[in-house]
């Protein structure tokens, strides 16, 4: 299933998030759709694939992480309570 990037045509990305959903890290499946940022409630590392397909590992994440991802990987992710903000 292709990722639905609902902000692809958005001109400004500085508006606050209006919604969010809890993300479950998964090595095989994309998120339902991208967001403006992640909220990380429990500090740790987030291993992810960006909306452009790049693999990233973000260490020491807690609070708002301004990154738009298509997948949060189970392997390598130690952060908890991850919410996709959109």
C-alpha atoms as a PDB file:
ATOM      1  CA  UNK A   1       0.000   0.000   0.000  1.00  0.00           C
ATOM      2  CA  UNK A   2       1.399   3.374  -0.975  1.00  0.00           C
ATOM      3  CA  UNK A   3       1.845   5.991   1.715  1.00  0.00           C
ATOM      4  CA  UNK A   4      -0.753   8.757   1.611  1.00  0.00           C
ATOM      5  CA  UNK A   5       1.275  11.938   2.145  1.00  0.00           C
ATOM      6  CA  UNK A   6      -1.491  14.372   3.045  1.00  0.00           C
ATOM      7  CA  UNK A   7       0.902  17.357   3.307  1.00  0.00           C
ATOM      8  CA  UNK A   8       2.704  16.852  -0.023  1.00  0.00           C
ATOM      9  CA  UNK A   9       1.067  19.929  -1.575  1.00  0.00           C
ATOM     10  CA  UNK A  10       1.066  22.030   1.588  1.00  0.00           C
ATOM     11  CA  UNK A  11       2.806  25.380   1.005  1.00  0.00           C
ATOM     12  CA  UNK A  12       3.662  26.070   4.649  1.00  0.00           C
ATOM     13  CA  UNK A  13       4.686  23.457   7.170  1.00  0.00           C
ATOM     14  CA  UNK A  14       4.780  25.701  10.209  1.00  0.00           C
ATOM     15  CA  UNK A  15       1.123  25.339  11.173  1.00  0.00           C
ATOM     16  CA  UNK A  16       0.481  23.288  14.309  1.00  0.00           C
ATOM     17  CA  UNK A  17      -0.695  19.700  14.130  1.00  0.00           C
ATOM     18  CA  UNK A  18      -4.461  19.216  14.264  1.00  0.00           C
ATOM     19  CA  UNK A  19      -4.554  15.508  15.017  1.00  0.00           C
ATOM     20  CA  UNK A  20      -2.432  12.503  15.814  1.00  0.00           C
ATOM     21  CA  UNK A  21      -2.365   8.745  16.146  1.00  0.00           C
ATOM     22  CA  UNK A  22      -0.279   6.261  18.082  1.00  0.00           C
ATOM     23  CA  UNK A  23       2.388   4.655  15.925  1.00  0.00           C
ATOM     24  CA  UNK A  24       3.433   1.043  16.382  1.00  0.00           C
ATOM     25  CA  UNK A  25       6.965   0.408  15.109  1.00  0.00           C
ATOM     26  CA  UNK A  26       6.916  -2.148  12.278  1.00  0.00           C
ATOM     27  CA  UNK A  27       9.764  -3.290  10.032  1.00  0.00           C
ATOM     28  CA  UNK A  28       7.483  -4.311   7.156  1.00  0.00           C
ATOM     29  CA  UNK A  29       4.575  -1.874   6.914  1.00  0.00           C
ATOM     30  CA  UNK A  30       4.278   1.859   6.262  1.00  0.00           C
ATOM     31  CA  UNK A  31       2.261   4.121   8.520  1.00  0.00           C
ATOM     32  CA  UNK A  32      -1.310   4.934   7.390  1.00  0.00           C
ATOM     33  CA  UNK A  33      -0.099   8.430   6.429  1.00  0.00           C
ATOM     34  CA  UNK A  34       2.730  10.823   7.169  1.00  0.00           C
ATOM     35  CA  UNK A  35       2.560  13.676   9.612  1.00  0.00           C
ATOM     36  CA  UNK A  36       4.260  16.958  10.418  1.00  0.00           C
ATOM     37  CA  UNK A  37       6.270  15.530  13.297  1.00  0.00           C
ATOM     38  CA  UNK A  38       6.535  12.766  15.866  1.00  0.00           C
ATOM     39  CA  UNK A  39       5.849  13.075  19.565  1.00  0.00           C
ATOM     40  CA  UNK A  40       8.108  10.762  21.546  1.00  0.00           C
ATOM     41  CA  UNK A  41       6.929  10.269  25.116  1.00  0.00           C
ATOM     42  CA  UNK A  42       9.602   7.824  26.261  1.00  0.00           C
ATOM     43  CA  UNK A  43      13.169   8.862  25.422  1.00  0.00           C
ATOM     44  CA  UNK A  44      15.169   6.658  23.101  1.00  0.00           C
ATOM     45  CA  UNK A  45      16.200   6.024  19.517  1.00  0.00           C
ATOM     46  CA  UNK A  46      13.791   6.187  16.575  1.00  0.00           C
ATOM     47  CA  UNK A  47      14.815   4.164  13.514  1.00  0.00           C
ATOM     48  CA  UNK A  48      12.678   5.226  10.576  1.00  0.00           C
ATOM     49  CA  UNK A  49      12.257   5.630   6.835  1.00  0.00           C
ATOM     50  CA  UNK A  50      11.491   9.195   5.719  1.00  0.00           C
ATOM     51  CA  UNK A  51       8.712  10.029   3.268  1.00  0.00           C
ATOM     52  CA  UNK A  52      11.448  10.300   0.609  1.00  0.00           C
ATOM     53  CA  UNK A  53      12.697   6.774   1.369  1.00  0.00           C
ATOM     54  CA  UNK A  54      15.873   7.540   3.323  1.00  0.00           C
ATOM     55  CA  UNK A  55      16.703   5.401   6.359  1.00  0.00           C
ATOM     56  CA  UNK A  56      17.514   7.455   9.457  1.00  0.00           C
ATOM     57  CA  UNK A  57      18.380   6.692  13.055  1.00  0.00           C
ATOM     58  CA  UNK A  58      17.567   9.497  15.478  1.00  0.00           C
ATOM     59  CA  UNK A  59      19.199   9.017  18.880  1.00  0.00           C
ATOM     60  CA  UNK A  60      18.092  10.664  22.118  1.00  0.00           C
ATOM     61  CA  UNK A  61      14.585  11.542  20.941  1.00  0.00           C
ATOM     62  CA  UNK A  62      12.044  12.878  23.409  1.00  0.00           C
ATOM     63  CA  UNK A  63       9.257  15.400  22.896  1.00  0.00           C
ATOM     64  CA  UNK A  64       8.499  16.802  19.436  1.00  0.00           C
ATOM     65  CA  UNK A  65      10.742  15.504  16.647  1.00  0.00           C
ATOM     66  CA  UNK A  66      10.162  17.517  13.435  1.00  0.00           C
ATOM     67  CA  UNK A  67      10.490  14.727  10.872  1.00  0.00           C
ATOM     68  CA  UNK A  68       8.019  13.271   8.383  1.00  0.00           C
ATOM     69  CA  UNK A  69       8.330   9.500   8.101  1.00  0.00           C
ATOM     70  CA  UNK A  70       6.657   6.728   6.134  1.00  0.00           C
ATOM     71  CA  UNK A  71       7.714   3.937   8.516  1.00  0.00           C
ATOM     72  CA  UNK A  72       8.979   3.623  12.071  1.00  0.00           C
ATOM     73  CA  UNK A  73      11.104   0.510  12.289  1.00  0.00           C
ATOM     74  CA  UNK A  74      10.765  -1.939  15.179  1.00  0.00           C
ATOM     75  CA  UNK A  75      14.416  -2.919  14.763  1.00  0.00           C
ATOM     76  CA  UNK A  76      16.530  -0.164  16.275  1.00  0.00           C
ATOM     77  CA  UNK A  77      13.683   1.807  17.862  1.00  0.00           C
ATOM     78  CA  UNK A  78      13.923   2.025  21.645  1.00  0.00           C
ATOM     79  CA  UNK A  79      11.764   5.148  22.109  1.00  0.00           C
ATOM     80  CA  UNK A  80       8.244   4.558  23.413  1.00  0.00           C
ATOM     81  CA  UNK A  81       4.877   6.289  23.310  1.00  0.00           C
ATOM     82  CA  UNK A  82       5.358   7.527  19.729  1.00  0.00           C
ATOM     83  CA  UNK A  83       2.559   9.612  18.228  1.00  0.00           C
ATOM     84  CA  UNK A  84       2.422  10.833  14.622  1.00  0.00           C
ATOM     85  CA  UNK A  85       1.220  14.452  14.614  1.00  0.00           C
ATOM     86  CA  UNK A  86      -0.615  15.753  11.536  1.00  0.00           C
END
